[in-house]
Amino acid sequence: MADKPHLSPSTINQYLRCSSQVLFKKTVGPKPPGMALLYGKSTDEAINVDMEQKITTKKDLGSDELKDAFVDSWDKNKTDTEFHTNDKPDELREIGIKAIGRWTDEIAPTIQPKSVQEQLPIQFPGFEYDILQYSDVITVDNKIIDNKTAGRSVTTNKESGLLLVPPEHRLQLTMYGLGYEAVHGEEPSSLGLDYSIKTKEPKMQRAEWTPNKNDKQLAFNLIVGVAEGLDKGVFIPNRNSMICNRRMCGWWRECEAKYGGTVKK
């Protein structure tokens, strides 16, 4: 994997949202993460603390221990975080503590992991890029689970009652499934998402995604398309994107300087 350049689901989704962000990340370098990334990282690290030890103990840690893990991660990484005028980090930190408590009570008891942050690489013969990706959790019954945080509830299909998994999350899970098959020689039993909704009173939502032949073909074509765009130097700012603003994009200054126009506040 080290001999060839690689793509990941996050890079592909970033290119699709705004290819210029991929350019600036490479040429300018990463920007300090915002508060949302601090929240997500703290949540992931707290969950990992429980899941990693549960592989052997078969028991969950207590709620207080995981809340402490969230706080430790938050406090460790907050100095590297870029906060904005309207951010309320102390309030969000308390929401995160509550959310980890909800995850411990509602989600953790349903999961018996066999691996945490397992690498699921994909190598395509004759293709100049490899896929490098890591699954959050793989259970003993071969289910891949990805943990997500969101600021609002995921939309539910009124007819089926099932969550409508966003396209970028469907792509990510589809790629995880392809990676699992490449590594283990069989498809995973299922692909799931555990959403932690960071509202004032946090809640958990669970979703599953089963990609069909067309979904897998789409994933492959997006991998190829993004690779071609990178090779040809095709980078276009997406000023129509909901995340194209000075609060959500750390490269807005470079974007204005290179392309002109004004990135909204």
C-alpha atoms as a PDB file:
ATOM      1  CA  MET A   1       0.000   0.000   0.000  1.00  0.00           C
ATOM      2  CA  ALA A   2       2.897   2.386   0.666  1.00  0.00           C
ATOM      3  CA  ASP A   3       4.256   2.124  -2.916  1.00  0.00           C
ATOM      4  CA  LYS A   4       1.210   3.699  -4.562  1.00  0.00           C
ATOM      5  CA  PRO A   5      -0.823   6.817  -3.842  1.00  0.00           C
ATOM      6  CA  HIS A   6      -4.095   6.070  -2.105  1.00  0.00           C
ATOM      7  CA  LEU A   7      -7.651   7.287  -1.914  1.00  0.00           C
ATOM      8  CA  SER A   8     -10.051   6.991   0.995  1.00  0.00           C
ATOM      9  CA  PRO A   9     -13.814   7.432   1.307  1.00  0.00           C
ATOM     10  CA  SER A  10     -13.250  10.755   3.080  1.00  0.00           C
ATOM     11  CA  THR A  11     -10.998  12.064   0.287  1.00  0.00           C
ATOM     12  CA  ILE A  12     -13.471  10.993  -2.393  1.00  0.00           C
ATOM     13  CA  ASN A  13     -16.391  12.607  -0.568  1.00  0.00           C
ATOM     14  CA  GLN A  14     -14.362  15.767  -0.003  1.00  0.00           C
ATOM     15  CA  TYR A  15     -13.510  15.928  -3.711  1.00  0.00           C
ATOM     16  CA  LEU A  16     -17.176  15.539  -4.613  1.00  0.00           C
ATOM     17  CA  ARG A  17     -18.221  18.284  -2.140  1.00  0.00           C
ATOM     18  CA  CYS A  18     -15.474  20.695  -3.178  1.00  0.00           C
ATOM     19  CA  SER A  19     -12.489  19.479  -5.151  1.00  0.00           C
ATOM     20  CA  SER A  20     -10.560  22.662  -4.336  1.00  0.00           C
ATOM     21  CA  GLN A  21     -10.460  21.632  -0.680  1.00  0.00           C
ATOM     22  CA  VAL A  22      -8.453  18.563  -1.735  1.00  0.00           C
ATOM     23  CA  LEU A  23      -6.065  20.835  -3.635  1.00  0.00           C
ATOM     24  CA  PHE A  24      -5.558  23.210  -0.726  1.00  0.00           C
ATOM     25  CA  LYS A  25      -5.155  20.381   1.761  1.00  0.00           C
ATOM     26  CA  LYS A  26      -2.308  19.056  -0.393  1.00  0.00           C
ATOM     27  CA  THR A  27      -0.610  22.346  -1.296  1.00  0.00           C
ATOM     28  CA  VAL A  28      -1.304  24.505   1.764  1.00  0.00           C
ATOM     29  CA  GLY A  29      -1.674  21.784   4.358  1.00  0.00           C
ATOM     30  CA  PRO A  30      -4.390  20.868   6.852  1.00  0.00           C
ATOM     31  CA  LYS A  31      -6.144  23.646   8.705  1.00  0.00           C
ATOM     32  CA  PRO A  32      -6.987  23.541  12.421  1.00  0.00           C
ATOM     33  CA  PRO A  33     -10.149  21.480  12.961  1.00  0.00           C
ATOM     34  CA  GLY A  34     -13.353  23.219  13.951  1.00  0.00           C
ATOM     35  CA  MET A  35     -15.577  22.478  16.907  1.00  0.00           C
ATOM     36  CA  ALA A  36     -17.609  19.854  15.035  1.00  0.00           C
ATOM     37  CA  LEU A  37     -14.476  17.811  14.337  1.00  0.00           C
ATOM     38  CA  LEU A  38     -13.378  18.162  17.963  1.00  0.00           C
ATOM     39  CA  TYR A  39     -16.756  16.761  19.024  1.00  0.00           C
ATOM     40  CA  GLY A  40     -16.553  13.895  16.539  1.00  0.00           C
ATOM     41  CA  LYS A  41     -12.987  12.989  17.493  1.00  0.00           C
ATOM     42  CA  SER A  42     -13.808  13.015  21.209  1.00  0.00           C
ATOM     43  CA  THR A  43     -16.829  10.793  20.595  1.00  0.00           C
ATOM     44  CA  ASP A  44     -14.850   8.340  18.459  1.00  0.00           C
ATOM     45  CA  GLU A  45     -12.024   8.075  20.970  1.00  0.00           C
ATOM     46  CA  ALA A  46     -14.412   7.434  23.863  1.00  0.00           C
ATOM     47  CA  ILE A  47     -16.220   4.708  21.893  1.00  0.00           C
ATOM     48  CA  ASN A  48     -12.894   3.140  20.910  1.00  0.00           C
ATOM     49  CA  VAL A  49     -11.857   2.931  24.555  1.00  0.00           C
ATOM     50  CA  ASP A  50     -14.875   0.734  25.253  1.00  0.00           C
ATOM     51  CA  MET A  51     -14.857  -1.322  22.059  1.00  0.00           C
ATOM     52  CA  GLU A  52     -11.140  -2.140  22.164  1.00  0.00           C
ATOM     53  CA  GLN A  53     -11.251  -3.617  25.661  1.00  0.00           C
ATOM     54  CA  LYS A  54     -14.568  -5.369  25.006  1.00  0.00           C
ATOM     55  CA  ILE A  55     -12.964  -7.559  22.337  1.00  0.00           C
ATOM     56  CA  THR A  56     -11.378  -9.608  25.124  1.00  0.00           C
ATOM     57  CA  THR A  57     -13.462  -8.795  28.231  1.00  0.00           C
ATOM     58  CA  LYS A  58     -16.866  -9.164  26.532  1.00  0.00           C
ATOM     59  CA  LYS A  59     -18.071  -6.465  28.949  1.00  0.00           C
ATOM     60  CA  ASP A  60     -18.700  -2.753  28.550  1.00  0.00           C
ATOM     61  CA  LEU A  61     -17.028  -0.129  30.666  1.00  0.00           C
ATOM     62  CA  GLY A  62     -19.256   1.982  32.869  1.00  0.00           C
ATOM     63  CA  SER A  63     -20.875   5.184  31.728  1.00  0.00           C
ATOM     64  CA  ASP A  64     -18.677   7.333  33.971  1.00  0.00           C
ATOM     65  CA  GLU A  65     -15.503   5.807  32.525  1.00  0.00           C
ATOM     66  CA  LEU A  66     -16.561   6.591  28.963  1.00  0.00           C
ATOM     67  CA  LYS A  67     -17.681  10.091  29.883  1.00  0.00           C
ATOM     68  CA  ASP A  68     -14.225  10.619  31.382  1.00  0.00           C
ATOM     69  CA  ALA A  69     -12.675   9.324  28.137  1.00  0.00           C
ATOM     70  CA  PHE A  70     -14.731  11.858  26.148  1.00  0.00           C
ATOM     71  CA  VAL A  71     -13.659  14.695  28.437  1.00  0.00           C
ATOM     72  CA  ASP A  72      -9.995  13.613  28.329  1.00  0.00           C
ATOM     73  CA  SER A  73     -10.025  13.625  24.533  1.00  0.00           C
ATOM     74  CA  TRP A  74     -11.868  16.969  24.365  1.00  0.00           C
ATOM     75  CA  ASP A  75      -9.512  18.678  26.787  1.00  0.00           C
ATOM     76  CA  LYS A  76      -6.441  17.200  25.083  1.00  0.00           C
ATOM     77  CA  ASN A  77      -7.422  18.393  21.597  1.00  0.00           C
ATOM     78  CA  LYS A  78      -9.251  21.671  22.255  1.00  0.00           C
ATOM     79  CA  THR A  79      -6.062  23.753  22.121  1.00  0.00           C
ATOM     80  CA  ASP A  80      -5.583  22.665  18.485  1.00  0.00           C
ATOM     81  CA  THR A  81      -9.167  23.599  17.579  1.00  0.00           C
ATOM     82  CA  GLU A  82     -10.253  26.774  15.823  1.00  0.00           C
ATOM     83  CA  PHE A  83     -13.334  28.174  17.557  1.00  0.00           C
ATOM     84  CA  HIS A  84     -15.538  30.812  15.948  1.00  0.00           C
ATOM     85  CA  THR A  85     -17.455  33.722  17.401  1.00  0.00           C
ATOM     86  CA  ASN A  86     -20.796  31.950  17.708  1.00  0.00           C
ATOM     87  CA  ASP A  87     -19.388  28.648  18.948  1.00  0.00           C
ATOM     88  CA  LYS A  88     -20.382  27.472  22.407  1.00  0.00           C
ATOM     89  CA  PRO A  89     -17.735  24.867  23.258  1.00  0.00           C
ATOM     90  CA  ASP A  90     -18.663  24.468  26.927  1.00  0.00           C
ATOM     91  CA  GLU A  91     -22.284  23.810  26.006  1.00  0.00           C
ATOM     92  CA  LEU A  92     -21.336  21.303  23.289  1.00  0.00           C
ATOM     93  CA  ARG A  93     -18.926  19.560  25.644  1.00  0.00           C
ATOM     94  CA  GLU A  94     -21.776  18.944  28.094  1.00  0.00           C
ATOM     95  CA  ILE A  95     -23.967  17.646  25.265  1.00  0.00           C
ATOM     96  CA  GLY A  96     -21.174  15.256  24.302  1.00  0.00           C
ATOM     97  CA  ILE A  97     -20.926  13.932  27.845  1.00  0.00           C
ATOM     98  CA  LYS A  98     -24.674  13.251  27.834  1.00  0.00           C
ATOM     99  CA  ALA A  99     -24.474  11.658  24.389  1.00  0.00           C
ATOM    100  CA  ILE A 100     -21.749   9.225  25.446  1.00  0.00           C
ATOM    101  CA  GLY A 101     -23.947   8.248  28.362  1.00  0.00           C
ATOM    102  CA  ARG A 102     -26.806   7.519  25.958  1.00  0.00           C
ATOM    103  CA  TRP A 103     -24.485   5.507  23.686  1.00  0.00           C
ATOM    104  CA  THR A 104     -23.263   3.488  26.679  1.00  0.00           C
ATOM    105  CA  ASP A 105     -26.804   2.665  27.769  1.00  0.00           C
ATOM    106  CA  GLU A 106     -28.479   2.097  24.395  1.00  0.00           C
ATOM    107  CA  ILE A 107     -25.883   1.098  21.788  1.00  0.00           C
ATOM    108  CA  ALA A 108     -22.877  -0.470  23.485  1.00  0.00           C
ATOM    109  CA  PRO A 109     -24.754  -3.481  24.973  1.00  0.00           C
ATOM    110  CA  THR A 110     -25.864  -4.519  21.466  1.00  0.00           C
ATOM    111  CA  ILE A 111     -22.316  -4.741  20.055  1.00  0.00           C
ATOM    112  CA  GLN A 112     -19.694  -7.444  20.515  1.00  0.00           C
ATOM    113  CA  PRO A 113     -16.686  -6.303  18.495  1.00  0.00           C
ATOM    114  CA  LYS A 114     -14.037  -8.521  16.977  1.00  0.00           C
ATOM    115  CA  SER A 115     -11.975  -5.626  15.606  1.00  0.00           C
ATOM    116  CA  VAL A 116     -11.729  -1.850  16.018  1.00  0.00           C
ATOM    117  CA  GLN A 117     -10.275   0.465  13.376  1.00  0.00           C
ATOM    118  CA  GLU A 118      -9.464  -2.477  11.110  1.00  0.00           C
ATOM    119  CA  GLN A 119      -7.765  -1.590   7.840  1.00  0.00           C
ATOM    120  CA  LEU A 120      -9.808  -2.636   4.816  1.00  0.00           C
ATOM    121  CA  PRO A 121      -7.575  -1.887   1.816  1.00  0.00           C
ATOM    122  CA  ILE A 122      -8.541  -2.431  -1.806  1.00  0.00           C
ATOM    123  CA  GLN A 123      -6.059  -2.902  -4.626  1.00  0.00           C
ATOM    124  CA  PHE A 124      -7.268  -2.767  -8.227  1.00  0.00           C
ATOM    125  CA  PRO A 125      -4.980  -4.404 -10.821  1.00  0.00           C
ATOM    126  CA  GLY A 126      -3.654  -1.826 -13.262  1.00  0.00           C
ATOM    127  CA  PHE A 127      -5.069   1.097 -11.266  1.00  0.00           C
ATOM    128  CA  GLU A 128      -2.542   3.627  -9.984  1.00  0.00           C
ATOM    129  CA  TYR A 129      -4.351   4.262  -6.694  1.00  0.00           C
ATOM    130  CA  ASP A 130      -5.033   1.939  -3.780  1.00  0.00           C
ATOM    131  CA  ILE A 131      -7.956   2.388  -1.418  1.00  0.00           C
ATOM    132  CA  LEU A 132      -6.925   2.883   2.202  1.00  0.00           C
ATOM    133  CA  GLN A 133      -9.728   2.890   4.759  1.00  0.00           C
ATOM    134  CA  TYR A 134     -10.463   1.892   8.348  1.00  0.00           C
ATOM    135  CA  SER A 135     -13.752   0.608   9.710  1.00  0.00           C
ATOM    136  CA  ASP A 136     -14.819   1.826  13.144  1.00  0.00           C
ATOM    137  CA  VAL A 137     -16.089  -1.533  14.402  1.00  0.00           C
ATOM    138  CA  ILE A 138     -16.540  -5.022  12.979  1.00  0.00           C
ATOM    139  CA  THR A 139     -18.667  -7.314  15.130  1.00  0.00           C
ATOM    140  CA  VAL A 140     -18.283 -11.031  15.795  1.00  0.00           C
ATOM    141  CA  ASP A 141     -21.135 -11.667  13.371  1.00  0.00           C
ATOM    142  CA  ASN A 142     -19.278  -9.748  10.627  1.00  0.00           C
ATOM    143  CA  LYS A 143     -21.290  -6.529  10.694  1.00  0.00           C
ATOM    144  CA  ILE A 144     -19.462  -3.297   9.914  1.00  0.00           C
ATOM    145  CA  ILE A 145     -20.562  -0.355  12.063  1.00  0.00           C
ATOM    146  CA  ASP A 146     -19.578   3.238  11.416  1.00  0.00           C
ATOM    147  CA  ASN A 147     -20.083   5.862  14.129  1.00  0.00           C
ATOM    148  CA  LYS A 148     -21.335   9.290  13.104  1.00  0.00           C
ATOM    149  CA  THR A 149     -22.266  12.517  14.872  1.00  0.00           C
ATOM    150  CA  ALA A 150     -24.836  14.918  13.468  1.00  0.00           C
ATOM    151  CA  GLY A 151     -26.338  18.231  14.469  1.00  0.00           C
ATOM    152  CA  ARG A 152     -29.886  17.191  13.620  1.00  0.00           C
ATOM    153  CA  SER A 153     -31.881  14.000  13.332  1.00  0.00           C
ATOM    154  CA  VAL A 154     -31.445  11.912  10.215  1.00  0.00           C
ATOM    155  CA  THR A 155     -34.558  12.039   8.027  1.00  0.00           C
ATOM    156  CA  THR A 156     -36.878   9.038   8.197  1.00  0.00           C
ATOM    157  CA  ASN A 157     -38.765   7.572   5.250  1.00  0.00           C
ATOM    158  CA  LYS A 158     -42.444   8.173   6.049  1.00  0.00           C
ATOM    159  CA  GLU A 159     -43.574   4.934   4.418  1.00  0.00           C
ATOM    160  CA  SER A 160     -40.947   2.468   5.658  1.00  0.00           C
ATOM    161  CA  GLY A 161     -39.928   4.226   8.866  1.00  0.00           C
ATOM    162  CA  LEU A 162     -36.278   3.591   7.983  1.00  0.00           C
ATOM    163  CA  LEU A 163     -33.596   6.270   8.104  1.00  0.00           C
ATOM    164  CA  LEU A 164     -32.640   7.815   4.776  1.00  0.00           C
ATOM    165  CA  VAL A 165     -28.873   7.308   4.763  1.00  0.00           C
ATOM    166  CA  PRO A 166     -27.158  10.311   3.099  1.00  0.00           C
ATOM    167  CA  PRO A 167     -25.321   9.600  -0.196  1.00  0.00           C
ATOM    168  CA  GLU A 168     -21.850  10.259   1.248  1.00  0.00           C
ATOM    169  CA  HIS A 169     -22.485   7.727   4.020  1.00  0.00           C
ATOM    170  CA  ARG A 170     -23.848   5.185   1.527  1.00  0.00           C
ATOM    171  CA  LEU A 171     -20.654   5.540  -0.510  1.00  0.00           C
ATOM    172  CA  GLN A 172     -18.495   5.103   2.564  1.00  0.00           C
ATOM    173  CA  LEU A 173     -20.301   1.954   3.691  1.00  0.00           C
ATOM    174  CA  THR A 174     -20.265   0.522   0.177  1.00  0.00           C
ATOM    175  CA  MET A 175     -16.497   0.994   0.027  1.00  0.00           C
ATOM    176  CA  TYR A 176     -16.105  -0.610   3.463  1.00  0.00           C
ATOM    177  CA  GLY A 177     -18.077  -3.604   2.210  1.00  0.00           C
ATOM    178  CA  LEU A 178     -15.849  -3.921  -0.853  1.00  0.00           C
ATOM    179  CA  GLY A 179     -12.782  -3.658   1.365  1.00  0.00           C
ATOM    180  CA  TYR A 180     -14.079  -6.303   3.753  1.00  0.00           C
ATOM    181  CA  GLU A 181     -14.678  -8.667   0.842  1.00  0.00           C
ATOM    182  CA  ALA A 182     -11.169  -7.995  -0.512  1.00  0.00           C
ATOM    183  CA  VAL A 183      -9.579  -8.761   2.879  1.00  0.00           C
ATOM    184  CA  HIS A 184     -11.779 -11.596   4.156  1.00  0.00           C
ATOM    185  CA  GLY A 185     -12.970 -13.201   0.935  1.00  0.00           C
ATOM    186  CA  GLU A 186     -16.652 -12.783   1.754  1.00  0.00           C
ATOM    187  CA  GLU A 187     -19.187 -10.007   2.083  1.00  0.00           C
ATOM    188  CA  PRO A 188     -19.948  -8.568   5.538  1.00  0.00           C
ATOM    189  CA  SER A 189     -23.216  -9.724   7.044  1.00  0.00           C
ATOM    190  CA  SER A 190     -24.476  -6.110   7.063  1.00  0.00           C
ATOM    191  CA  LEU A 191     -23.395  -2.473   7.031  1.00  0.00           C
ATOM    192  CA  GLY A 192     -24.646  -0.144   9.744  1.00  0.00           C
ATOM    193  CA  LEU A 193     -24.471   3.404  11.027  1.00  0.00           C
ATOM    194  CA  ASP A 194     -24.856   4.535  14.612  1.00  0.00           C
ATOM    195  CA  TYR A 195     -25.700   8.237  14.697  1.00  0.00           C
ATOM    196  CA  SER A 196     -25.200  10.342  17.812  1.00  0.00           C
ATOM    197  CA  ILE A 197     -27.424  13.401  17.413  1.00  0.00           C
ATOM    198  CA  LYS A 198     -25.942  16.356  19.264  1.00  0.00           C
ATOM    199  CA  THR A 199     -29.129  18.190  20.112  1.00  0.00           C
ATOM    200  CA  LYS A 200     -29.673  19.723  23.545  1.00  0.00           C
ATOM    201  CA  GLU A 201     -31.046  16.374  24.665  1.00  0.00           C
ATOM    202  CA  PRO A 202     -28.905  14.006  22.582  1.00  0.00           C
ATOM    203  CA  LYS A 203     -30.345  10.868  21.061  1.00  0.00           C
ATOM    204  CA  MET A 204     -29.153   7.826  19.137  1.00  0.00           C
ATOM    205  CA  GLN A 205     -30.335   6.713  15.681  1.00  0.00           C
ATOM    206  CA  ARG A 206     -29.400   3.475  13.929  1.00  0.00           C
ATOM    207  CA  ALA A 207     -29.448   2.736  10.221  1.00  0.00           C
ATOM    208  CA  GLU A 208     -28.428  -0.074   7.894  1.00  0.00           C
ATOM    209  CA  TRP A 209     -27.381   0.068   4.264  1.00  0.00           C
ATOM    210  CA  THR A 210     -27.347  -2.819   1.811  1.00  0.00           C
ATOM    211  CA  PRO A 211     -25.662  -1.819  -1.458  1.00  0.00           C
ATOM    212  CA  ASN A 212     -26.825  -3.495  -4.656  1.00  0.00           C
ATOM    213  CA  LYS A 213     -24.919  -4.038  -7.900  1.00  0.00           C
ATOM    214  CA  ASN A 214     -25.606  -0.503  -9.081  1.00  0.00           C
ATOM    215  CA  ASP A 215     -24.387   1.000  -5.797  1.00  0.00           C
ATOM    216  CA  LYS A 216     -21.116  -0.908  -6.089  1.00  0.00           C
ATOM    217  CA  GLN A 217     -20.746   0.205  -9.703  1.00  0.00           C
ATOM    218  CA  LEU A 218     -21.321   3.804  -8.639  1.00  0.00           C
ATOM    219  CA  ALA A 219     -18.621   3.514  -5.972  1.00  0.00           C
ATOM    220  CA  PHE A 220     -16.164   2.129  -8.519  1.00  0.00           C
ATOM    221  CA  ASN A 221     -16.967   4.839 -11.066  1.00  0.00           C
ATOM    222  CA  LEU A 222     -16.580   7.574  -8.449  1.00  0.00           C
ATOM    223  CA  ILE A 223     -13.200   6.150  -7.425  1.00  0.00           C
ATOM    224  CA  VAL A 224     -12.067   6.196 -11.061  1.00  0.00           C
ATOM    225  CA  GLY A 225     -13.554   9.634 -11.720  1.00  0.00           C
ATOM    226  CA  VAL A 226     -11.913  11.245  -8.692  1.00  0.00           C
ATOM    227  CA  ALA A 227      -8.585   9.623  -9.573  1.00  0.00           C
ATOM    228  CA  GLU A 228      -8.811  11.046 -13.111  1.00  0.00           C
ATOM    229  CA  GLY A 229      -9.674  14.479 -11.728  1.00  0.00           C
ATOM    230  CA  LEU A 230      -6.653  14.412  -9.423  1.00  0.00           C
ATOM    231  CA  ASP A 231      -4.320  13.256 -12.208  1.00  0.00           C
ATOM    232  CA  LYS A 232      -5.539  15.982 -14.582  1.00  0.00           C
ATOM    233  CA  GLY A 233      -5.465  18.687 -11.921  1.00  0.00           C
ATOM    234  CA  VAL A 234      -9.189  19.376 -12.065  1.00  0.00           C
ATOM    235  CA  PHE A 235     -10.023  21.421  -8.962  1.00  0.00           C
ATOM    236  CA  ILE A 236     -13.154  23.587  -8.919  1.00  0.00           C
ATOM    237  CA  PRO A 237     -14.497  25.481  -5.908  1.00  0.00           C
ATOM    238  CA  ASN A 238     -18.095  24.626  -5.090  1.00  0.00           C
ATOM    239  CA  ARG A 239     -19.434  27.991  -3.968  1.00  0.00           C
ATOM    240  CA  ASN A 240     -22.973  26.560  -4.086  1.00  0.00           C
ATOM    241  CA  SER A 241     -22.200  24.084  -1.317  1.00  0.00           C
ATOM    242  CA  MET A 242     -23.883  24.490   2.067  1.00  0.00           C
ATOM    243  CA  ILE A 243     -20.475  24.090   3.697  1.00  0.00           C
ATOM    244  CA  CYS A 244     -18.847  26.788   1.574  1.00  0.00           C
ATOM    245  CA  ASN A 245     -18.456  29.479   4.192  1.00  0.00           C
ATOM    246  CA  ARG A 246     -15.701  30.923   6.345  1.00  0.00           C
ATOM    247  CA  ARG A 247     -16.821  28.966   9.377  1.00  0.00           C
ATOM    248  CA  MET A 248     -16.846  25.567   7.702  1.00  0.00           C
ATOM    249  CA  CYS A 249     -13.830  25.903   5.401  1.00  0.00           C
ATOM    250  CA  GLY A 250     -10.383  26.735   6.729  1.00  0.00           C
ATOM    251  CA  TRP A 251      -9.055  27.427   3.217  1.00  0.00           C
ATOM    252  CA  TRP A 252     -11.490  30.241   2.360  1.00  0.00           C
ATOM    253  CA  ARG A 253      -8.695  32.828   2.155  1.00  0.00           C
ATOM    254  CA  GLU A 254      -6.687  30.705  -0.274  1.00  0.00           C
ATOM    255  CA  CYS A 255      -9.859  30.029  -2.255  1.00  0.00           C
ATOM    256  CA  GLU A 256     -10.650  33.722  -2.671  1.00  0.00           C
ATOM    257  CA  ALA A 257      -7.044  34.469  -3.602  1.00  0.00           C
ATOM    258  CA  LYS A 258      -6.893  31.744  -6.272  1.00  0.00           C
ATOM    259  CA  TYR A 259     -10.373  31.883  -7.752  1.00  0.00           C
ATOM    260  CA  GLY A 260     -11.721  35.332  -6.855  1.00  0.00           C
ATOM    261  CA  GLY A 261     -15.182  36.096  -5.572  1.00  0.00           C
ATOM    262  CA  THR A 262     -16.161  36.173  -1.927  1.00  0.00           C
ATOM    263  CA  VAL A 263     -16.722  33.209   0.378  1.00  0.00           C
ATOM    264  CA  LYS A 264     -19.742  33.937   2.530  1.00  0.00           C
ATOM    265  CA  LYS A 265     -19.369  34.423   6.268  1.00  0.00           C
END
